[in-house]
Amino acid sequence: MAQLGFNAGDYDPTDDFEPLPAGEYLTMITEATLENTKTGGRMVKLTYTIMEGQHESRKLWSQHNIVNSSPKAEEIGRKELSRIAHAIGRPMINDTEQLLNQVVRIRIVIKNDPGYGPKNEVKKWINVGGQQMQHAPQPHAPTHNPTPAVQQASPQQPPAGHPAAQHAAPPWGQK
């Protein structure tokens, strides 16, 4: 017999990812990747982390085709990416890293997926009062790091009163 050392009491057994209610949520983009699709295309995958309210810390996802054998699917994906870029105040995106730690309000709906049941779908990306958090606060370099620190421009803080001013970037969204 093998010892597991597992305590089921440490985990919530009811967390079954029920869809969030349709509506608008203040989020930060905490993951952004460029991945191959099963059909040989390319897509941008984004993870949003809700920053406030009763659903704070919950995650939502979206994916956007940028290369696809279907011209219509590619056009839709590129238009969505354009909406995201404009909502975060960065109309020129050259790298998925530029999407990280950006604050954006999203509008979600509940879509009934025949294979998986109800799920959330991001339908709109909304600029947060014209003031984006261009760079999330960076953690201090660990003192045990033997390599010299690379000088970086100081991160831009959101203005006082901005919803992002009370939130630092979650560590899982930093590279």
N, C-alpha and C. Protein backbone atom coordinates (compact mmCIF):
# COMPACT_ATOMS: atom_id res chain seq x y z
N MET A 1 0.84 -1.18 0.00
CA MET A 1 0.00 0.00 0.00
C MET A 1 0.89 1.25 0.00
N ALA A 2 0.48 2.28 -0.77
CA ALA A 2 1.26 3.51 -0.86
C ALA A 2 0.60 4.62 -0.05
N GLN A 3 1.39 5.36 0.68
CA GLN A 3 0.92 6.49 1.48
C GLN A 3 0.71 7.69 0.56
N LEU A 4 -0.46 8.31 0.64
CA LEU A 4 -0.76 9.48 -0.20
C LEU A 4 -0.43 10.80 0.48
N GLY A 5 -0.72 10.92 1.75
CA GLY A 5 -0.51 12.20 2.43
C GLY A 5 -1.44 13.28 1.91
N PHE A 6 -2.65 12.91 1.50
CA PHE A 6 -3.61 13.84 0.92
C PHE A 6 -4.75 14.08 1.89
N ASN A 7 -5.11 15.34 2.11
CA ASN A 7 -6.22 15.70 2.98
C ASN A 7 -7.29 16.37 2.13
N ALA A 8 -8.37 15.67 1.85
CA ALA A 8 -9.46 16.20 1.03
C ALA A 8 -10.08 17.44 1.66
N GLY A 9 -9.94 17.63 2.95
CA GLY A 9 -10.47 18.80 3.63
C GLY A 9 -9.76 20.08 3.22
N ASP A 10 -8.60 19.96 2.58
CA ASP A 10 -7.87 21.15 2.13
C ASP A 10 -8.45 21.74 0.85
N TYR A 11 -9.40 21.06 0.23
CA TYR A 11 -9.92 21.49 -1.06
C TYR A 11 -11.44 21.55 -1.02
N ASP A 12 -11.99 22.54 -1.70
CA ASP A 12 -13.43 22.73 -1.76
C ASP A 12 -14.02 21.77 -2.79
N PRO A 13 -14.81 20.80 -2.37
CA PRO A 13 -15.35 19.84 -3.33
C PRO A 13 -16.49 20.41 -4.18
N THR A 14 -17.00 21.59 -3.84
CA THR A 14 -18.12 22.16 -4.59
C THR A 14 -17.68 23.07 -5.72
N ASP A 15 -16.39 23.30 -5.87
CA ASP A 15 -15.88 24.19 -6.90
C ASP A 15 -15.97 23.51 -8.26
N ASP A 16 -17.10 23.72 -8.94
CA ASP A 16 -17.31 23.02 -10.20
C ASP A 16 -17.40 24.00 -11.38
N PHE A 17 -16.86 25.18 -11.23
CA PHE A 17 -16.77 26.16 -12.30
C PHE A 17 -18.10 26.46 -12.96
N GLU A 18 -19.10 26.72 -12.15
CA GLU A 18 -20.37 27.18 -12.69
C GLU A 18 -20.12 28.50 -13.41
N PRO A 19 -20.82 28.77 -14.50
CA PRO A 19 -20.62 30.04 -15.20
C PRO A 19 -20.96 31.22 -14.29
N LEU A 20 -20.26 32.30 -14.49
CA LEU A 20 -20.55 33.53 -13.77
C LEU A 20 -21.81 34.16 -14.37
N PRO A 21 -22.51 34.97 -13.59
CA PRO A 21 -23.66 35.67 -14.15
C PRO A 21 -23.22 36.59 -15.30
N ALA A 22 -24.04 36.69 -16.33
CA ALA A 22 -23.75 37.60 -17.43
C ALA A 22 -23.61 39.02 -16.88
N GLY A 23 -22.72 39.79 -17.46
CA GLY A 23 -22.52 41.16 -17.01
C GLY A 23 -21.11 41.63 -17.29
N GLU A 24 -20.76 42.75 -16.66
CA GLU A 24 -19.44 43.34 -16.84
C GLU A 24 -18.59 43.09 -15.61
N TYR A 25 -17.29 42.86 -15.86
CA TYR A 25 -16.35 42.56 -14.79
C TYR A 25 -15.04 43.29 -15.05
N LEU A 26 -14.47 43.91 -14.01
CA LEU A 26 -13.15 44.52 -14.10
C LEU A 26 -12.13 43.40 -13.98
N THR A 27 -11.25 43.29 -14.99
CA THR A 27 -10.30 42.19 -15.01
C THR A 27 -8.90 42.69 -15.34
N MET A 28 -7.95 41.79 -15.12
CA MET A 28 -6.58 42.00 -15.57
C MET A 28 -6.22 40.78 -16.42
N ILE A 29 -5.57 41.03 -17.54
CA ILE A 29 -5.12 39.92 -18.38
C ILE A 29 -3.87 39.34 -17.70
N THR A 30 -3.97 38.12 -17.22
CA THR A 30 -2.88 37.52 -16.45
C THR A 30 -2.12 36.45 -17.21
N GLU A 31 -2.65 36.02 -18.33
CA GLU A 31 -1.92 35.09 -19.19
C GLU A 31 -2.27 35.42 -20.63
N ALA A 32 -1.26 35.37 -21.50
CA ALA A 32 -1.46 35.62 -22.93
C ALA A 32 -0.47 34.75 -23.69
N THR A 33 -0.98 33.85 -24.51
CA THR A 33 -0.10 32.96 -25.26
C THR A 33 -0.54 32.90 -26.72
N LEU A 34 0.41 32.57 -27.58
CA LEU A 34 0.14 32.33 -28.99
C LEU A 34 0.33 30.84 -29.20
N GLU A 35 -0.72 30.16 -29.66
CA GLU A 35 -0.67 28.70 -29.77
C GLU A 35 -1.15 28.25 -31.13
N ASN A 36 -0.71 27.06 -31.51
CA ASN A 36 -1.19 26.43 -32.74
C ASN A 36 -2.57 25.84 -32.49
N THR A 37 -3.42 25.89 -33.52
CA THR A 37 -4.72 25.24 -33.44
C THR A 37 -4.58 23.82 -33.95
N LYS A 38 -5.59 23.01 -33.73
CA LYS A 38 -5.57 21.62 -34.19
C LYS A 38 -5.55 21.53 -35.71
N THR A 39 -6.01 22.58 -36.39
CA THR A 39 -6.09 22.55 -37.85
C THR A 39 -4.94 23.28 -38.52
N GLY A 40 -3.90 23.60 -37.77
CA GLY A 40 -2.73 24.24 -38.36
C GLY A 40 -2.74 25.75 -38.34
N GLY A 41 -3.71 26.35 -37.71
CA GLY A 41 -3.76 27.80 -37.61
C GLY A 41 -3.02 28.28 -36.36
N ARG A 42 -3.23 29.55 -36.02
CA ARG A 42 -2.64 30.15 -34.81
C ARG A 42 -3.72 30.93 -34.10
N MET A 43 -3.67 30.90 -32.76
CA MET A 43 -4.64 31.66 -31.97
C MET A 43 -3.96 32.29 -30.76
N VAL A 44 -4.49 33.42 -30.35
CA VAL A 44 -4.08 34.07 -29.11
C VAL A 44 -5.05 33.61 -28.05
N LYS A 45 -4.51 33.06 -26.95
CA LYS A 45 -5.34 32.64 -25.81
C LYS A 45 -5.08 33.59 -24.65
N LEU A 46 -6.16 34.09 -24.06
CA LEU A 46 -6.05 35.03 -22.95
C LEU A 46 -6.76 34.49 -21.71
N THR A 47 -6.17 34.76 -20.56
CA THR A 47 -6.79 34.48 -19.27
C THR A 47 -6.99 35.81 -18.57
N TYR A 48 -8.21 36.03 -18.11
CA TYR A 48 -8.57 37.25 -17.37
C TYR A 48 -8.81 36.86 -15.92
N THR A 49 -8.32 37.66 -14.99
CA THR A 49 -8.59 37.44 -13.57
C THR A 49 -9.43 38.60 -13.07
N ILE A 50 -10.59 38.29 -12.50
CA ILE A 50 -11.49 39.33 -11.99
C ILE A 50 -10.84 40.00 -10.80
N MET A 51 -10.90 41.33 -10.77
CA MET A 51 -10.18 42.13 -9.79
C MET A 51 -11.02 42.63 -8.63
N GLU A 52 -12.33 42.50 -8.67
CA GLU A 52 -13.14 43.07 -7.59
C GLU A 52 -14.47 42.34 -7.49
N GLY A 53 -15.16 42.60 -6.39
CA GLY A 53 -16.50 42.06 -6.21
C GLY A 53 -16.51 40.63 -5.68
N GLN A 54 -17.70 40.06 -5.66
CA GLN A 54 -17.87 38.73 -5.06
C GLN A 54 -17.17 37.63 -5.86
N HIS A 55 -16.81 37.91 -7.11
CA HIS A 55 -16.14 36.90 -7.94
C HIS A 55 -14.65 37.20 -8.10
N GLU A 56 -14.10 38.07 -7.23
CA GLU A 56 -12.69 38.42 -7.30
C GLU A 56 -11.83 37.15 -7.32
N SER A 57 -10.83 37.16 -8.16
CA SER A 57 -9.86 36.08 -8.36
C SER A 57 -10.35 34.97 -9.28
N ARG A 58 -11.63 34.96 -9.65
CA ARG A 58 -12.10 33.97 -10.63
C ARG A 58 -11.47 34.29 -11.98
N LYS A 59 -11.35 33.27 -12.79
CA LYS A 59 -10.74 33.43 -14.10
C LYS A 59 -11.75 33.21 -15.22
N LEU A 60 -11.50 33.90 -16.31
CA LEU A 60 -12.28 33.74 -17.54
C LEU A 60 -11.27 33.63 -18.68
N TRP A 61 -11.70 33.03 -19.79
CA TRP A 61 -10.78 32.80 -20.89
C TRP A 61 -11.40 33.22 -22.20
N SER A 62 -10.53 33.59 -23.15
CA SER A 62 -10.97 33.81 -24.53
C SER A 62 -9.85 33.38 -25.46
N GLN A 63 -10.22 33.02 -26.67
CA GLN A 63 -9.22 32.68 -27.67
C GLN A 63 -9.63 33.32 -28.99
N HIS A 64 -8.60 33.73 -29.76
CA HIS A 64 -8.83 34.55 -30.94
C HIS A 64 -7.96 34.05 -32.09
N ASN A 65 -8.61 33.53 -33.12
CA ASN A 65 -7.89 33.05 -34.30
C ASN A 65 -7.22 34.22 -35.00
N ILE A 66 -5.93 34.07 -35.30
CA ILE A 66 -5.27 35.10 -36.11
C ILE A 66 -4.76 34.52 -37.42
N VAL A 67 -4.64 33.18 -37.49
CA VAL A 67 -4.36 32.48 -38.73
C VAL A 67 -5.30 31.29 -38.75
N ASN A 68 -6.14 31.22 -39.80
CA ASN A 68 -7.12 30.15 -39.87
C ASN A 68 -7.45 29.87 -41.33
N SER A 69 -7.74 28.62 -41.63
CA SER A 69 -8.10 28.26 -43.02
C SER A 69 -9.43 28.89 -43.43
N SER A 70 -10.24 29.26 -42.45
CA SER A 70 -11.49 29.97 -42.73
C SER A 70 -11.22 31.48 -42.66
N PRO A 71 -11.33 32.17 -43.79
CA PRO A 71 -11.11 33.62 -43.77
C PRO A 71 -12.05 34.33 -42.79
N LYS A 72 -13.28 33.84 -42.64
CA LYS A 72 -14.24 34.48 -41.73
C LYS A 72 -13.79 34.32 -40.27
N ALA A 73 -13.35 33.10 -39.89
CA ALA A 73 -12.87 32.87 -38.52
C ALA A 73 -11.65 33.74 -38.23
N GLU A 74 -10.76 33.87 -39.20
CA GLU A 74 -9.57 34.70 -39.02
C GLU A 74 -9.96 36.16 -38.87
N GLU A 75 -10.90 36.63 -39.69
CA GLU A 75 -11.35 38.01 -39.61
C GLU A 75 -11.99 38.30 -38.24
N ILE A 76 -12.82 37.40 -37.77
CA ILE A 76 -13.46 37.59 -36.46
C ILE A 76 -12.40 37.66 -35.37
N GLY A 77 -11.46 36.72 -35.37
CA GLY A 77 -10.41 36.72 -34.35
C GLY A 77 -9.57 37.97 -34.37
N ARG A 78 -9.20 38.44 -35.55
CA ARG A 78 -8.39 39.65 -35.66
C ARG A 78 -9.17 40.90 -35.23
N LYS A 79 -10.46 40.93 -35.53
CA LYS A 79 -11.28 42.06 -35.07
C LYS A 79 -11.39 42.07 -33.55
N GLU A 80 -11.56 40.89 -32.95
CA GLU A 80 -11.61 40.81 -31.49
C GLU A 80 -10.29 41.27 -30.88
N LEU A 81 -9.18 40.84 -31.46
CA LEU A 81 -7.88 41.26 -30.94
C LEU A 81 -7.71 42.77 -31.08
N SER A 82 -8.23 43.34 -32.16
CA SER A 82 -8.20 44.79 -32.33
C SER A 82 -9.01 45.49 -31.23
N ARG A 83 -10.18 44.94 -30.92
CA ARG A 83 -11.01 45.52 -29.85
C ARG A 83 -10.28 45.48 -28.51
N ILE A 84 -9.62 44.37 -28.24
CA ILE A 84 -8.85 44.23 -26.99
C ILE A 84 -7.73 45.26 -26.96
N ALA A 85 -6.96 45.35 -28.06
CA ALA A 85 -5.84 46.28 -28.13
C ALA A 85 -6.30 47.72 -27.92
N HIS A 86 -7.41 48.10 -28.53
CA HIS A 86 -7.92 49.46 -28.34
C HIS A 86 -8.44 49.66 -26.92
N ALA A 87 -9.06 48.65 -26.34
CA ALA A 87 -9.60 48.77 -24.98
C ALA A 87 -8.48 48.96 -23.95
N ILE A 88 -7.31 48.40 -24.21
CA ILE A 88 -6.20 48.57 -23.26
C ILE A 88 -5.29 49.73 -23.66
N GLY A 89 -5.63 50.42 -24.75
CA GLY A 89 -4.85 51.59 -25.15
C GLY A 89 -3.54 51.23 -25.84
N ARG A 90 -3.48 50.08 -26.48
CA ARG A 90 -2.27 49.64 -27.19
C ARG A 90 -2.66 49.14 -28.58
N PRO A 91 -2.91 50.05 -29.51
CA PRO A 91 -3.36 49.60 -30.83
C PRO A 91 -2.30 48.87 -31.64
N MET A 92 -1.03 48.94 -31.25
CA MET A 92 0.03 48.21 -31.94
C MET A 92 0.56 47.12 -31.00
N ILE A 93 0.14 45.89 -31.23
CA ILE A 93 0.58 44.76 -30.40
C ILE A 93 1.52 43.91 -31.24
N ASN A 94 2.76 43.77 -30.80
CA ASN A 94 3.74 42.96 -31.51
C ASN A 94 4.05 41.65 -30.80
N ASP A 95 3.66 41.56 -29.53
CA ASP A 95 4.02 40.40 -28.73
C ASP A 95 2.93 40.18 -27.69
N THR A 96 2.62 38.92 -27.40
CA THR A 96 1.58 38.64 -26.41
C THR A 96 1.95 39.22 -25.04
N GLU A 97 3.23 39.40 -24.78
CA GLU A 97 3.65 39.96 -23.49
C GLU A 97 3.09 41.37 -23.27
N GLN A 98 2.82 42.10 -24.36
CA GLN A 98 2.25 43.44 -24.25
C GLN A 98 0.82 43.41 -23.72
N LEU A 99 0.18 42.26 -23.77
CA LEU A 99 -1.18 42.13 -23.26
C LEU A 99 -1.20 41.83 -21.76
N LEU A 100 -0.10 41.33 -21.24
CA LEU A 100 -0.06 40.92 -19.83
C LEU A 100 -0.22 42.09 -18.88
N ASN A 101 -0.94 41.84 -17.82
CA ASN A 101 -1.15 42.78 -16.72
C ASN A 101 -1.91 44.04 -17.13
N GLN A 102 -2.61 43.97 -18.25
CA GLN A 102 -3.42 45.09 -18.69
C GLN A 102 -4.82 44.97 -18.06
N VAL A 103 -5.32 46.09 -17.61
CA VAL A 103 -6.64 46.13 -16.98
C VAL A 103 -7.68 46.45 -18.04
N VAL A 104 -8.73 45.66 -18.08
CA VAL A 104 -9.80 45.86 -19.05
C VAL A 104 -11.12 45.38 -18.44
N ARG A 105 -12.17 46.11 -18.71
CA ARG A 105 -13.50 45.67 -18.29
C ARG A 105 -14.04 44.82 -19.43
N ILE A 106 -14.56 43.64 -19.08
CA ILE A 106 -15.11 42.76 -20.10
C ILE A 106 -16.60 42.53 -19.83
N ARG A 107 -17.32 42.31 -20.91
CA ARG A 107 -18.73 41.95 -20.80
C ARG A 107 -18.83 40.49 -21.21
N ILE A 108 -19.46 39.69 -20.35
CA ILE A 108 -19.62 38.28 -20.66
C ILE A 108 -21.09 37.91 -20.78
N VAL A 109 -21.33 36.86 -21.54
CA VAL A 109 -22.66 36.28 -21.67
C VAL A 109 -22.54 34.80 -21.31
N ILE A 110 -23.67 34.16 -21.15
CA ILE A 110 -23.68 32.72 -20.93
C ILE A 110 -24.12 32.08 -22.24
N LYS A 111 -23.27 31.20 -22.74
CA LYS A 111 -23.54 30.50 -23.99
C LYS A 111 -23.78 29.03 -23.67
N ASN A 112 -24.77 28.43 -24.30
CA ASN A 112 -25.03 27.01 -24.08
C ASN A 112 -24.24 26.21 -25.11
N ASP A 113 -23.20 25.53 -24.64
CA ASP A 113 -22.36 24.70 -25.49
C ASP A 113 -22.94 23.30 -25.49
N PRO A 114 -23.34 22.75 -26.65
CA PRO A 114 -23.98 21.43 -26.68
C PRO A 114 -23.13 20.32 -26.05
N GLY A 115 -21.82 20.43 -26.16
CA GLY A 115 -20.95 19.39 -25.60
C GLY A 115 -20.63 19.55 -24.12
N TYR A 116 -20.67 20.80 -23.63
CA TYR A 116 -20.23 21.04 -22.25
C TYR A 116 -21.26 21.73 -21.38
N GLY A 117 -22.36 22.15 -21.94
CA GLY A 117 -23.37 22.86 -21.15
C GLY A 117 -23.09 24.35 -21.13
N PRO A 118 -23.71 25.07 -20.19
CA PRO A 118 -23.55 26.52 -20.13
C PRO A 118 -22.11 26.92 -19.81
N LYS A 119 -21.63 27.95 -20.49
CA LYS A 119 -20.29 28.47 -20.21
C LYS A 119 -20.26 29.96 -20.52
N ASN A 120 -19.29 30.66 -19.93
CA ASN A 120 -19.14 32.09 -20.18
C ASN A 120 -18.39 32.32 -21.48
N GLU A 121 -18.78 33.41 -22.13
CA GLU A 121 -18.09 33.84 -23.35
C GLU A 121 -17.90 35.35 -23.27
N VAL A 122 -16.68 35.80 -23.52
CA VAL A 122 -16.40 37.23 -23.52
C VAL A 122 -16.91 37.81 -24.83
N LYS A 123 -17.73 38.85 -24.72
CA LYS A 123 -18.35 39.46 -25.90
C LYS A 123 -17.88 40.88 -26.16
N LYS A 124 -17.35 41.55 -25.14
CA LYS A 124 -16.96 42.95 -25.33
C LYS A 124 -15.81 43.29 -24.41
N TRP A 125 -14.92 44.16 -24.88
CA TRP A 125 -13.78 44.63 -24.11
C TRP A 125 -13.92 46.14 -24.02
N ILE A 126 -13.91 46.66 -22.79
CA ILE A 126 -14.24 48.06 -22.55
C ILE A 126 -13.06 48.75 -21.88
N ASN A 127 -12.69 49.90 -22.43
CA ASN A 127 -11.63 50.71 -21.86
C ASN A 127 -12.03 51.12 -20.44
N VAL A 128 -11.09 51.11 -19.54
CA VAL A 128 -11.34 51.45 -18.14
C VAL A 128 -11.05 52.94 -17.95
N GLY A 129 -12.02 53.76 -18.29
CA GLY A 129 -11.92 55.20 -18.05
C GLY A 129 -10.78 55.89 -18.76
N GLY A 130 -10.27 55.30 -19.83
CA GLY A 130 -9.18 55.93 -20.57
C GLY A 130 -7.85 55.83 -19.87
N GLN A 131 -7.78 55.12 -18.76
CA GLN A 131 -6.53 55.02 -18.00
C GLN A 131 -6.18 53.55 -17.81
N GLN A 132 -5.17 53.12 -18.53
CA GLN A 132 -4.76 51.74 -18.39
C GLN A 132 -3.54 51.65 -17.50
N MET A 133 -3.35 50.49 -16.95
CA MET A 133 -2.17 50.19 -16.17
C MET A 133 -1.15 49.65 -17.17
N GLN A 134 -0.26 50.49 -17.65
CA GLN A 134 0.64 50.09 -18.72
C GLN A 134 1.60 48.99 -18.28
N HIS A 135 2.08 49.05 -17.08
CA HIS A 135 2.96 48.00 -16.55
C HIS A 135 2.53 47.72 -15.12
N ALA A 136 2.35 46.50 -14.82
CA ALA A 136 1.98 46.13 -13.45
C ALA A 136 3.18 46.33 -12.54
N PRO A 137 2.96 46.60 -11.28
CA PRO A 137 4.07 46.74 -10.36
C PRO A 137 4.92 45.47 -10.37
N GLN A 138 6.21 45.63 -10.45
CA GLN A 138 7.13 44.50 -10.49
C GLN A 138 7.59 44.18 -9.07
N PRO A 139 7.73 42.90 -8.76
CA PRO A 139 8.24 42.55 -7.43
C PRO A 139 9.71 42.91 -7.34
N HIS A 140 10.18 43.13 -6.13
CA HIS A 140 11.60 43.40 -5.93
C HIS A 140 12.39 42.15 -6.25
N ALA A 141 13.56 42.36 -6.85
CA ALA A 141 14.41 41.22 -7.18
C ALA A 141 14.86 40.55 -5.89
N PRO A 142 14.91 39.23 -5.87
CA PRO A 142 15.36 38.54 -4.67
C PRO A 142 16.81 38.89 -4.37
N THR A 143 17.14 38.99 -3.10
CA THR A 143 18.49 39.38 -2.71
C THR A 143 19.50 38.28 -2.97
N HIS A 144 19.05 37.04 -3.15
CA HIS A 144 19.98 35.95 -3.38
C HIS A 144 20.35 35.78 -4.85
N ASN A 145 19.83 36.65 -5.73
CA ASN A 145 20.11 36.54 -7.15
C ASN A 145 21.53 37.03 -7.43
N PRO A 146 22.42 36.15 -7.90
CA PRO A 146 23.81 36.54 -8.11
C PRO A 146 24.04 37.36 -9.37
N THR A 147 23.08 37.43 -10.29
CA THR A 147 23.29 38.19 -11.52
C THR A 147 22.95 39.65 -11.27
N PRO A 148 23.67 40.55 -11.93
CA PRO A 148 23.37 41.98 -11.73
C PRO A 148 21.97 42.31 -12.24
N ALA A 149 21.34 43.23 -11.57
CA ALA A 149 19.98 43.63 -11.95
C ALA A 149 20.03 44.42 -13.25
N VAL A 150 19.06 44.16 -14.10
CA VAL A 150 18.93 44.91 -15.34
C VAL A 150 18.09 46.13 -15.03
N GLN A 151 18.57 47.30 -15.41
CA GLN A 151 17.82 48.52 -15.12
C GLN A 151 16.60 48.58 -16.02
N GLN A 152 15.45 48.79 -15.41
CA GLN A 152 14.20 48.88 -16.14
C GLN A 152 13.55 50.22 -15.85
N ALA A 153 12.73 50.65 -16.79
CA ALA A 153 11.96 51.86 -16.54
C ALA A 153 11.01 51.58 -15.40
N SER A 154 10.82 52.56 -14.54
CA SER A 154 9.91 52.31 -13.42
C SER A 154 8.51 52.11 -13.93
N PRO A 155 7.80 51.15 -13.35
CA PRO A 155 6.45 50.87 -13.82
C PRO A 155 5.53 52.06 -13.58
N GLN A 156 4.62 52.26 -14.50
CA GLN A 156 3.67 53.35 -14.39
C GLN A 156 2.53 52.91 -13.49
N GLN A 157 2.25 53.67 -12.48
CA GLN A 157 1.17 53.37 -11.55
C GLN A 157 -0.11 54.01 -12.05
N PRO A 158 -1.24 53.36 -11.85
CA PRO A 158 -2.50 54.00 -12.22
C PRO A 158 -2.79 55.15 -11.28
N PRO A 159 -3.52 56.15 -11.74
CA PRO A 159 -3.83 57.29 -10.89
C PRO A 159 -4.67 56.88 -9.68
N ALA A 160 -4.56 57.67 -8.62
CA ALA A 160 -5.35 57.41 -7.42
C ALA A 160 -6.83 57.42 -7.79
N GLY A 161 -7.58 56.51 -7.23
CA GLY A 161 -9.01 56.42 -7.51
C GLY A 161 -9.32 55.47 -8.66
N HIS A 162 -8.33 55.13 -9.47
CA HIS A 162 -8.53 54.17 -10.57
C HIS A 162 -8.71 52.79 -9.96
N PRO A 163 -9.63 51.97 -10.47
CA PRO A 163 -9.88 50.65 -9.87
C PRO A 163 -8.62 49.78 -9.78
N ALA A 164 -7.69 49.95 -10.69
CA ALA A 164 -6.48 49.13 -10.67
C ALA A 164 -5.48 49.59 -9.61
N ALA A 165 -5.66 50.79 -9.07
CA ALA A 165 -4.71 51.32 -8.09
C ALA A 165 -4.66 50.47 -6.83
N GLN A 166 -5.74 49.76 -6.53
CA GLN A 166 -5.76 48.95 -5.31
C GLN A 166 -5.27 47.53 -5.55
N HIS A 167 -4.90 47.19 -6.78
CA HIS A 167 -4.51 45.82 -7.11
C HIS A 167 -3.12 45.78 -7.72
N ALA A 168 -2.27 44.97 -7.17
CA ALA A 168 -0.99 44.68 -7.81
C ALA A 168 -1.21 43.49 -8.74
N ALA A 169 -0.34 43.34 -9.71
CA ALA A 169 -0.46 42.20 -10.61
C ALA A 169 -0.28 40.91 -9.83
N PRO A 170 -1.15 39.95 -10.05
CA PRO A 170 -0.96 38.68 -9.36
C PRO A 170 0.33 38.02 -9.82
N PRO A 171 1.06 37.34 -8.96
CA PRO A 171 2.36 36.80 -9.32
C PRO A 171 2.30 35.81 -10.47
N TRP A 172 1.16 35.12 -10.67
CA TRP A 172 1.11 34.14 -11.74
C TRP A 172 1.01 34.79 -13.11
N GLY A 173 0.76 36.10 -13.17
CA GLY A 173 0.66 36.78 -14.46
C GLY A 173 1.95 37.47 -14.86
N GLN A 174 2.98 37.40 -14.04
CA GLN A 174 4.23 38.06 -14.35
C GLN A 174 5.22 37.06 -14.91
N LYS A 175 6.09 37.58 -15.73
CA LYS A 175 7.14 36.73 -16.32
C LYS A 175 8.48 37.14 -15.82
